[in-house]
Amino acid sequence: PPPPPPPPPFFFSTTTPPYPILSGLVGSEMCIRDSLACAAILCEAAGMDGTFDDGERQLILALLKKQFSLSDEELGALFEEAKSLSENSSHLYGFTKVIKNSWDINKKVRMLEMMWEVAYADGKLDAAEDMLIRRIAGLIHVEDRDRMKAKQKVLNKH
């Protein structure tokens, strides 16, 4: 008989996390994992409208620095790793699973607020950005009313 087919790539596996860098971290490493997942999601949001400009980059850096209290060096490394993960993946489940399993509802809603800020960075909301935020909210178990409150909070700032 012919040999069995090769296993699917790791990002299609149902038993292996899609991003090995995010797996197996516990305790003090949890904040690294969480910040990387959040940063990758924000990078994904920034690129949803087909552009990822310097204004969006600067906004993401400011949001991450505030959220995670990072040094400039840590922030730069986190951003570059997150941007690379975002560009080289088409699967958000690994990122959202980290957030869903380790963040309380307040932190999840804060992440959605950050996503709305990135989405509105260019002054308008693209349909793909809106869809992504809606999808992420569902994957991290944030109800529609909380997602919309987060959106309204960001809109009230502008």
N, C-alpha and C. Protein backbone atom coordinates (compact mmCIF):
# COMPACT_ATOMS: atom_id res chain seq x y z
N PRO A 1 0.84 -1.20 0.00
CA PRO A 1 0.00 0.00 0.00
C PRO A 1 0.88 1.26 0.00
N PRO A 2 0.34 2.36 -0.53
CA PRO A 2 1.12 3.60 -0.55
C PRO A 2 1.30 4.14 0.87
N PRO A 3 2.32 4.94 1.08
CA PRO A 3 2.52 5.50 2.43
C PRO A 3 1.40 6.48 2.75
N PRO A 4 1.14 6.69 4.02
CA PRO A 4 0.07 7.62 4.40
C PRO A 4 0.43 9.04 3.97
N PRO A 5 -0.57 9.88 3.76
CA PRO A 5 -0.28 11.26 3.38
C PRO A 5 0.42 11.99 4.52
N PRO A 6 1.19 13.01 4.19
CA PRO A 6 1.86 13.75 5.26
C PRO A 6 0.83 14.49 6.11
N PRO A 7 1.19 14.77 7.34
CA PRO A 7 0.25 15.50 8.20
C PRO A 7 0.03 16.90 7.63
N PRO A 8 -1.12 17.51 7.95
CA PRO A 8 -1.37 18.87 7.47
C PRO A 8 -0.39 19.84 8.13
N PRO A 9 -0.19 21.01 7.53
CA PRO A 9 0.67 22.01 8.17
C PRO A 9 0.15 22.33 9.56
N PHE A 10 1.05 22.78 10.44
CA PHE A 10 0.66 22.99 11.84
C PHE A 10 -0.49 23.96 12.00
N PHE A 11 -0.66 24.92 11.09
CA PHE A 11 -1.73 25.89 11.28
C PHE A 11 -3.10 25.33 10.93
N PHE A 12 -3.17 24.10 10.39
CA PHE A 12 -4.46 23.47 10.14
C PHE A 12 -4.74 22.36 11.15
N SER A 13 -3.81 22.10 12.01
CA SER A 13 -3.97 21.03 12.98
C SER A 13 -4.99 21.40 14.04
N THR A 14 -5.75 20.43 14.47
CA THR A 14 -6.74 20.70 15.53
C THR A 14 -6.15 20.46 16.91
N THR A 15 -4.97 19.86 16.99
CA THR A 15 -4.39 19.57 18.29
C THR A 15 -3.18 20.44 18.60
N THR A 16 -2.56 21.04 17.61
CA THR A 16 -1.38 21.85 17.83
C THR A 16 -1.75 23.32 17.71
N PRO A 17 -1.36 24.14 18.67
CA PRO A 17 -1.67 25.57 18.55
C PRO A 17 -1.07 26.13 17.26
N PRO A 18 -1.77 27.04 16.60
CA PRO A 18 -1.29 27.55 15.33
C PRO A 18 -0.01 28.37 15.45
N TYR A 19 0.29 28.90 16.63
CA TYR A 19 1.48 29.70 16.80
C TYR A 19 2.30 29.13 17.95
N PRO A 20 3.28 28.28 17.63
CA PRO A 20 4.04 27.62 18.69
C PRO A 20 4.64 28.59 19.70
N ILE A 21 4.98 29.80 19.25
CA ILE A 21 5.56 30.77 20.16
C ILE A 21 4.60 31.11 21.30
N LEU A 22 3.31 30.93 21.09
CA LEU A 22 2.33 31.27 22.11
C LEU A 22 2.02 30.10 23.04
N SER A 23 2.47 28.92 22.72
CA SER A 23 2.09 27.76 23.51
C SER A 23 3.08 27.52 24.65
N GLY A 24 2.60 26.94 25.71
CA GLY A 24 3.46 26.48 26.79
C GLY A 24 3.97 27.56 27.72
N LEU A 25 3.45 28.76 27.66
CA LEU A 25 3.91 29.81 28.54
C LEU A 25 3.01 29.88 29.77
N VAL A 26 3.62 29.98 30.93
CA VAL A 26 2.84 30.05 32.17
C VAL A 26 3.43 31.10 33.09
N GLY A 27 2.69 31.43 34.13
CA GLY A 27 3.19 32.32 35.16
C GLY A 27 3.61 33.67 34.62
N SER A 28 4.85 34.07 34.93
CA SER A 28 5.33 35.39 34.54
C SER A 28 5.42 35.54 33.03
N GLU A 29 5.54 34.42 32.32
CA GLU A 29 5.59 34.48 30.86
C GLU A 29 4.23 34.78 30.26
N MET A 30 3.16 34.64 31.04
CA MET A 30 1.81 34.85 30.53
C MET A 30 1.66 36.25 29.95
N CYS A 31 2.26 37.25 30.59
CA CYS A 31 2.11 38.62 30.08
C CYS A 31 2.77 38.78 28.72
N ILE A 32 3.84 38.06 28.47
CA ILE A 32 4.48 38.11 27.16
C ILE A 32 3.54 37.51 26.13
N ARG A 33 2.98 36.38 26.44
CA ARG A 33 2.06 35.73 25.53
C ARG A 33 0.85 36.60 25.26
N ASP A 34 0.27 37.17 26.31
CA ASP A 34 -0.91 38.01 26.17
C ASP A 34 -0.60 39.25 25.33
N SER A 35 0.52 39.89 25.61
CA SER A 35 0.85 41.11 24.89
C SER A 35 1.12 40.81 23.42
N LEU A 36 1.75 39.69 23.13
CA LEU A 36 2.01 39.31 21.74
C LEU A 36 0.70 39.02 21.01
N ALA A 37 -0.19 38.31 21.66
CA ALA A 37 -1.49 38.02 21.04
C ALA A 37 -2.26 39.30 20.76
N CYS A 38 -2.30 40.19 21.74
CA CYS A 38 -3.00 41.46 21.58
C CYS A 38 -2.37 42.29 20.47
N ALA A 39 -1.05 42.38 20.46
CA ALA A 39 -0.35 43.16 19.44
C ALA A 39 -0.60 42.61 18.04
N ALA A 40 -0.59 41.29 17.91
CA ALA A 40 -0.83 40.69 16.59
C ALA A 40 -2.25 40.99 16.11
N ILE A 41 -3.21 40.96 17.02
CA ILE A 41 -4.60 41.28 16.64
C ILE A 41 -4.70 42.74 16.22
N LEU A 42 -4.03 43.64 16.93
CA LEU A 42 -4.05 45.06 16.55
C LEU A 42 -3.39 45.27 15.19
N CYS A 43 -2.31 44.56 14.93
CA CYS A 43 -1.66 44.66 13.61
C CYS A 43 -2.59 44.14 12.52
N GLU A 44 -3.29 43.08 12.81
CA GLU A 44 -4.26 42.54 11.86
C GLU A 44 -5.35 43.58 11.57
N ALA A 45 -5.83 44.23 12.61
CA ALA A 45 -6.86 45.26 12.44
C ALA A 45 -6.34 46.42 11.59
N ALA A 46 -5.09 46.81 11.83
CA ALA A 46 -4.52 47.93 11.08
C ALA A 46 -4.42 47.64 9.59
N GLY A 47 -4.18 46.40 9.24
CA GLY A 47 -4.01 46.05 7.84
C GLY A 47 -5.29 45.63 7.12
N MET A 48 -6.40 45.59 7.82
CA MET A 48 -7.64 45.09 7.22
C MET A 48 -8.16 45.93 6.07
N ASP A 49 -7.86 47.23 6.08
CA ASP A 49 -8.34 48.09 5.00
C ASP A 49 -7.36 48.16 3.83
N GLY A 50 -6.33 47.33 3.86
CA GLY A 50 -5.37 47.27 2.75
C GLY A 50 -4.17 48.17 2.93
N THR A 51 -4.17 48.98 3.97
CA THR A 51 -3.02 49.84 4.24
C THR A 51 -2.64 49.72 5.71
N PHE A 52 -1.35 49.86 5.97
CA PHE A 52 -0.84 49.87 7.34
C PHE A 52 0.17 51.00 7.36
N ASP A 53 -0.31 52.20 7.67
CA ASP A 53 0.56 53.36 7.56
C ASP A 53 1.26 53.68 8.88
N ASP A 54 2.13 54.67 8.84
CA ASP A 54 2.91 55.01 10.02
C ASP A 54 2.03 55.54 11.16
N GLY A 55 0.93 56.22 10.81
CA GLY A 55 0.01 56.69 11.85
C GLY A 55 -0.58 55.53 12.64
N GLU A 56 -0.97 54.47 11.93
CA GLU A 56 -1.50 53.28 12.61
C GLU A 56 -0.42 52.61 13.44
N ARG A 57 0.79 52.56 12.89
CA ARG A 57 1.92 51.96 13.62
C ARG A 57 2.15 52.72 14.92
N GLN A 58 2.22 54.04 14.84
CA GLN A 58 2.46 54.86 16.03
C GLN A 58 1.33 54.70 17.06
N LEU A 59 0.11 54.63 16.58
CA LEU A 59 -1.03 54.43 17.48
C LEU A 59 -0.94 53.08 18.19
N ILE A 60 -0.64 52.03 17.45
CA ILE A 60 -0.51 50.69 18.05
C ILE A 60 0.61 50.70 19.09
N LEU A 61 1.73 51.30 18.77
CA LEU A 61 2.84 51.37 19.73
C LEU A 61 2.41 52.09 21.00
N ALA A 62 1.70 53.21 20.86
CA ALA A 62 1.24 53.96 22.03
C ALA A 62 0.24 53.15 22.85
N LEU A 63 -0.69 52.47 22.18
CA LEU A 63 -1.69 51.66 22.88
C LEU A 63 -1.03 50.51 23.64
N LEU A 64 -0.08 49.83 22.98
CA LEU A 64 0.60 48.71 23.63
C LEU A 64 1.46 49.17 24.81
N LYS A 65 2.14 50.29 24.62
CA LYS A 65 2.98 50.80 25.71
C LYS A 65 2.13 51.12 26.93
N LYS A 66 0.99 51.75 26.71
CA LYS A 66 0.09 52.09 27.81
C LYS A 66 -0.51 50.84 28.45
N GLN A 67 -0.96 49.91 27.63
CA GLN A 67 -1.64 48.71 28.14
C GLN A 67 -0.70 47.80 28.92
N PHE A 68 0.55 47.65 28.43
CA PHE A 68 1.45 46.66 29.02
C PHE A 68 2.66 47.24 29.74
N SER A 69 2.76 48.57 29.82
CA SER A 69 3.88 49.23 30.53
C SER A 69 5.23 48.69 30.07
N LEU A 70 5.49 48.77 28.79
CA LEU A 70 6.72 48.23 28.20
C LEU A 70 7.77 49.31 28.00
N SER A 71 9.04 48.89 28.06
CA SER A 71 10.13 49.80 27.69
C SER A 71 10.10 49.97 26.17
N ASP A 72 10.81 50.97 25.68
CA ASP A 72 10.85 51.19 24.24
C ASP A 72 11.45 49.99 23.51
N GLU A 73 12.46 49.37 24.12
CA GLU A 73 13.10 48.20 23.50
C GLU A 73 12.12 47.02 23.45
N GLU A 74 11.45 46.76 24.57
CA GLU A 74 10.47 45.68 24.61
C GLU A 74 9.33 45.94 23.62
N LEU A 75 8.90 47.18 23.57
CA LEU A 75 7.82 47.57 22.68
C LEU A 75 8.19 47.34 21.22
N GLY A 76 9.38 47.76 20.84
CA GLY A 76 9.83 47.56 19.47
C GLY A 76 9.90 46.10 19.08
N ALA A 77 10.46 45.29 19.97
CA ALA A 77 10.57 43.85 19.70
C ALA A 77 9.19 43.21 19.61
N LEU A 78 8.30 43.58 20.53
CA LEU A 78 6.94 43.04 20.52
C LEU A 78 6.23 43.40 19.23
N PHE A 79 6.32 44.66 18.84
CA PHE A 79 5.63 45.11 17.63
C PHE A 79 6.14 44.37 16.39
N GLU A 80 7.45 44.25 16.25
CA GLU A 80 8.01 43.59 15.07
C GLU A 80 7.59 42.12 15.01
N GLU A 81 7.61 41.45 16.15
CA GLU A 81 7.20 40.04 16.18
C GLU A 81 5.70 39.91 15.87
N ALA A 82 4.90 40.79 16.45
CA ALA A 82 3.46 40.75 16.23
C ALA A 82 3.12 41.05 14.77
N LYS A 83 3.78 42.03 14.19
CA LYS A 83 3.52 42.39 12.80
C LYS A 83 3.88 41.23 11.88
N SER A 84 5.00 40.58 12.16
CA SER A 84 5.41 39.42 11.36
C SER A 84 4.40 38.29 11.48
N LEU A 85 3.95 38.00 12.70
CA LEU A 85 2.95 36.95 12.89
C LEU A 85 1.66 37.29 12.16
N SER A 86 1.25 38.54 12.24
CA SER A 86 0.02 38.97 11.59
C SER A 86 0.12 38.85 10.07
N GLU A 87 1.25 39.24 9.52
CA GLU A 87 1.45 39.19 8.06
C GLU A 87 1.56 37.77 7.53
N ASN A 88 2.06 36.87 8.36
CA ASN A 88 2.33 35.52 7.90
C ASN A 88 1.32 34.49 8.38
N SER A 89 0.16 34.96 8.79
CA SER A 89 -0.86 34.02 9.22
C SER A 89 -2.21 34.44 8.64
N SER A 90 -3.07 33.47 8.55
CA SER A 90 -4.44 33.76 8.13
C SER A 90 -5.41 33.16 9.14
N HIS A 91 -4.91 32.92 10.33
CA HIS A 91 -5.68 32.22 11.33
C HIS A 91 -5.58 32.94 12.67
N LEU A 92 -6.63 33.57 13.12
CA LEU A 92 -6.63 34.35 14.35
C LEU A 92 -6.91 33.53 15.60
N TYR A 93 -7.30 32.28 15.43
CA TYR A 93 -7.75 31.49 16.56
C TYR A 93 -6.70 31.40 17.68
N GLY A 94 -5.45 31.22 17.31
CA GLY A 94 -4.40 31.11 18.33
C GLY A 94 -4.28 32.36 19.16
N PHE A 95 -4.38 33.52 18.51
CA PHE A 95 -4.31 34.78 19.24
C PHE A 95 -5.53 34.97 20.14
N THR A 96 -6.70 34.74 19.58
CA THR A 96 -7.92 34.98 20.35
C THR A 96 -8.07 33.97 21.49
N LYS A 97 -7.58 32.78 21.31
CA LYS A 97 -7.67 31.77 22.36
C LYS A 97 -6.89 32.23 23.59
N VAL A 98 -5.73 32.82 23.37
CA VAL A 98 -4.93 33.34 24.48
C VAL A 98 -5.72 34.38 25.26
N ILE A 99 -6.32 35.32 24.53
CA ILE A 99 -7.08 36.40 25.15
C ILE A 99 -8.32 35.83 25.85
N LYS A 100 -9.05 34.97 25.16
CA LYS A 100 -10.28 34.40 25.71
C LYS A 100 -10.02 33.66 27.01
N ASN A 101 -8.94 32.90 27.06
CA ASN A 101 -8.68 32.04 28.21
C ASN A 101 -7.98 32.74 29.38
N SER A 102 -7.35 33.89 29.13
CA SER A 102 -6.55 34.46 30.21
C SER A 102 -6.95 35.87 30.63
N TRP A 103 -7.84 36.52 29.90
CA TRP A 103 -8.22 37.89 30.25
C TRP A 103 -9.63 37.93 30.79
N ASP A 104 -9.84 38.84 31.78
CA ASP A 104 -11.20 39.05 32.27
C ASP A 104 -11.95 39.93 31.28
N ILE A 105 -13.24 40.09 31.50
CA ILE A 105 -14.08 40.81 30.55
C ILE A 105 -13.63 42.27 30.38
N ASN A 106 -13.17 42.90 31.44
CA ASN A 106 -12.73 44.30 31.33
C ASN A 106 -11.52 44.44 30.40
N LYS A 107 -10.56 43.53 30.51
CA LYS A 107 -9.40 43.58 29.62
C LYS A 107 -9.80 43.26 28.18
N LYS A 108 -10.72 42.34 28.01
CA LYS A 108 -11.20 42.00 26.66
C LYS A 108 -11.87 43.22 26.00
N VAL A 109 -12.70 43.90 26.77
CA VAL A 109 -13.38 45.08 26.24
C VAL A 109 -12.35 46.17 25.95
N ARG A 110 -11.34 46.31 26.80
CA ARG A 110 -10.28 47.29 26.54
C ARG A 110 -9.56 46.96 25.24
N MET A 111 -9.32 45.69 24.97
CA MET A 111 -8.68 45.32 23.71
C MET A 111 -9.56 45.72 22.52
N LEU A 112 -10.86 45.52 22.65
CA LEU A 112 -11.77 45.94 21.58
C LEU A 112 -11.72 47.45 21.40
N GLU A 113 -11.63 48.19 22.50
CA GLU A 113 -11.49 49.64 22.39
C GLU A 113 -10.22 49.99 21.59
N MET A 114 -9.13 49.28 21.88
CA MET A 114 -7.89 49.53 21.13
C MET A 114 -8.09 49.21 19.65
N MET A 115 -8.80 48.14 19.37
CA MET A 115 -9.06 47.78 17.96
C MET A 115 -9.89 48.87 17.28
N TRP A 116 -10.90 49.39 17.98
CA TRP A 116 -11.71 50.47 17.40
C TRP A 116 -10.84 51.70 17.15
N GLU A 117 -9.94 52.00 18.08
CA GLU A 117 -9.04 53.14 17.87
C GLU A 117 -8.20 52.96 16.62
N VAL A 118 -7.67 51.77 16.42
CA VAL A 118 -6.87 51.48 15.22
C VAL A 118 -7.75 51.57 13.98
N ALA A 119 -8.95 51.02 14.06
CA ALA A 119 -9.85 51.03 12.90
C ALA A 119 -10.21 52.45 12.48
N TYR A 120 -10.38 53.35 13.44
CA TYR A 120 -10.75 54.73 13.14
C TYR A 120 -9.54 55.66 13.00
N ALA A 121 -8.33 55.11 13.03
CA ALA A 121 -7.12 55.94 12.96
C ALA A 121 -7.07 56.79 11.70
N ASP A 122 -7.63 56.28 10.61
CA ASP A 122 -7.62 57.03 9.35
C ASP A 122 -8.89 57.87 9.17
N GLY A 123 -9.73 57.94 10.20
CA GLY A 123 -10.91 58.78 10.16
C GLY A 123 -12.17 58.11 9.64
N LYS A 124 -12.05 56.88 9.17
CA LYS A 124 -13.23 56.18 8.68
C LYS A 124 -13.12 54.70 9.01
N LEU A 125 -14.28 54.07 9.09
CA LEU A 125 -14.33 52.64 9.39
C LEU A 125 -14.55 51.87 8.10
N ASP A 126 -13.62 50.99 7.80
CA ASP A 126 -13.74 50.11 6.65
C ASP A 126 -14.61 48.90 7.04
N ALA A 127 -15.39 48.40 6.10
CA ALA A 127 -16.27 47.25 6.38
C ALA A 127 -15.47 46.04 6.87
N ALA A 128 -14.27 45.84 6.31
CA ALA A 128 -13.45 44.70 6.72
C ALA A 128 -12.97 44.87 8.17
N GLU A 129 -12.68 46.10 8.57
CA GLU A 129 -12.27 46.36 9.95
C GLU A 129 -13.42 46.07 10.91
N ASP A 130 -14.60 46.53 10.55
CA ASP A 130 -15.78 46.29 11.37
C ASP A 130 -16.05 44.79 11.51
N MET A 131 -15.94 44.07 10.40
CA MET A 131 -16.16 42.63 10.43
C MET A 131 -15.13 41.93 11.32
N LEU A 132 -13.87 42.35 11.22
CA LEU A 132 -12.83 41.74 12.04
C LEU A 132 -13.12 41.96 13.52
N ILE A 133 -13.48 43.16 13.90
CA ILE A 133 -13.74 43.45 15.31
C ILE A 133 -14.94 42.65 15.81
N ARG A 134 -15.95 42.55 14.98
CA ARG A 134 -17.12 41.74 15.34
C ARG A 134 -16.71 40.28 15.54
N ARG A 135 -15.87 39.78 14.63
CA ARG A 135 -15.42 38.38 14.70
C ARG A 135 -14.56 38.14 15.94
N ILE A 136 -13.62 39.05 16.19
CA ILE A 136 -12.75 38.92 17.37
C ILE A 136 -13.59 38.95 18.64
N ALA A 137 -14.55 39.86 18.71
CA ALA A 137 -15.41 39.95 19.90
C ALA A 137 -16.10 38.62 20.16
N GLY A 138 -16.61 37.99 19.12
CA GLY A 138 -17.25 36.69 19.28
C GLY A 138 -16.29 35.63 19.74
N LEU A 139 -15.08 35.63 19.18
CA LEU A 139 -14.09 34.61 19.52
C LEU A 139 -13.58 34.74 20.95
N ILE A 140 -13.58 35.96 21.48
CA ILE A 140 -13.11 36.15 22.86
C ILE A 140 -14.27 36.26 23.85
N HIS A 141 -15.46 35.98 23.36
CA HIS A 141 -16.67 35.93 24.19
C HIS A 141 -17.04 37.28 24.81
N VAL A 142 -17.06 38.31 23.98
CA VAL A 142 -17.55 39.62 24.39
C VAL A 142 -18.88 39.83 23.69
N GLU A 143 -19.90 40.16 24.46
CA GLU A 143 -21.24 40.32 23.90
C GLU A 143 -21.33 41.57 23.02
N ASP A 144 -22.30 41.55 22.11
CA ASP A 144 -22.47 42.66 21.17
C ASP A 144 -22.64 44.00 21.88
N ARG A 145 -23.39 44.03 22.97
CA ARG A 145 -23.61 45.32 23.65
C ARG A 145 -22.30 45.88 24.19
N ASP A 146 -21.42 45.01 24.67
CA ASP A 146 -20.12 45.47 25.18
C ASP A 146 -19.21 45.91 24.03
N ARG A 147 -19.29 45.21 22.92
CA ARG A 147 -18.52 45.60 21.72
C ARG A 147 -18.96 46.98 21.26
N MET A 148 -20.26 47.21 21.25
CA MET A 148 -20.77 48.50 20.80
C MET A 148 -20.48 49.63 21.80
N LYS A 149 -20.46 49.31 23.10
CA LYS A 149 -20.07 50.30 24.11
C LYS A 149 -18.61 50.71 23.91
N ALA A 150 -17.78 49.73 23.59
CA ALA A 150 -16.37 50.02 23.34
C ALA A 150 -16.23 50.93 22.13
N LYS A 151 -17.00 50.65 21.08
CA LYS A 151 -16.97 51.48 19.87
C LYS A 151 -17.42 52.90 20.21
N GLN A 152 -18.52 53.03 20.94
CA GLN A 152 -19.04 54.34 21.28
C GLN A 152 -18.06 55.13 22.14
N LYS A 153 -17.39 54.45 23.04
CA LYS A 153 -16.39 55.12 23.89
C LYS A 153 -15.29 55.74 23.04
N VAL A 154 -14.84 55.00 22.03
CA VAL A 154 -13.79 55.51 21.14
C VAL A 154 -14.32 56.66 20.29
N LEU A 155 -15.54 56.50 19.77
CA LEU A 155 -16.13 57.56 18.94
C LEU A 155 -16.33 58.85 19.75
N ASN A 156 -16.65 58.72 21.02
CA ASN A 156 -16.87 59.90 21.86
C ASN A 156 -15.58 60.67 22.12
N LYS A 157 -14.42 60.00 22.00
CA LYS A 157 -13.12 60.65 22.17
C LYS A 157 -12.80 61.57 21.00
N HIS A 158 -13.30 61.20 19.83
CA HIS A 158 -12.90 61.91 18.60
C HIS A 158 -13.81 63.05 18.28
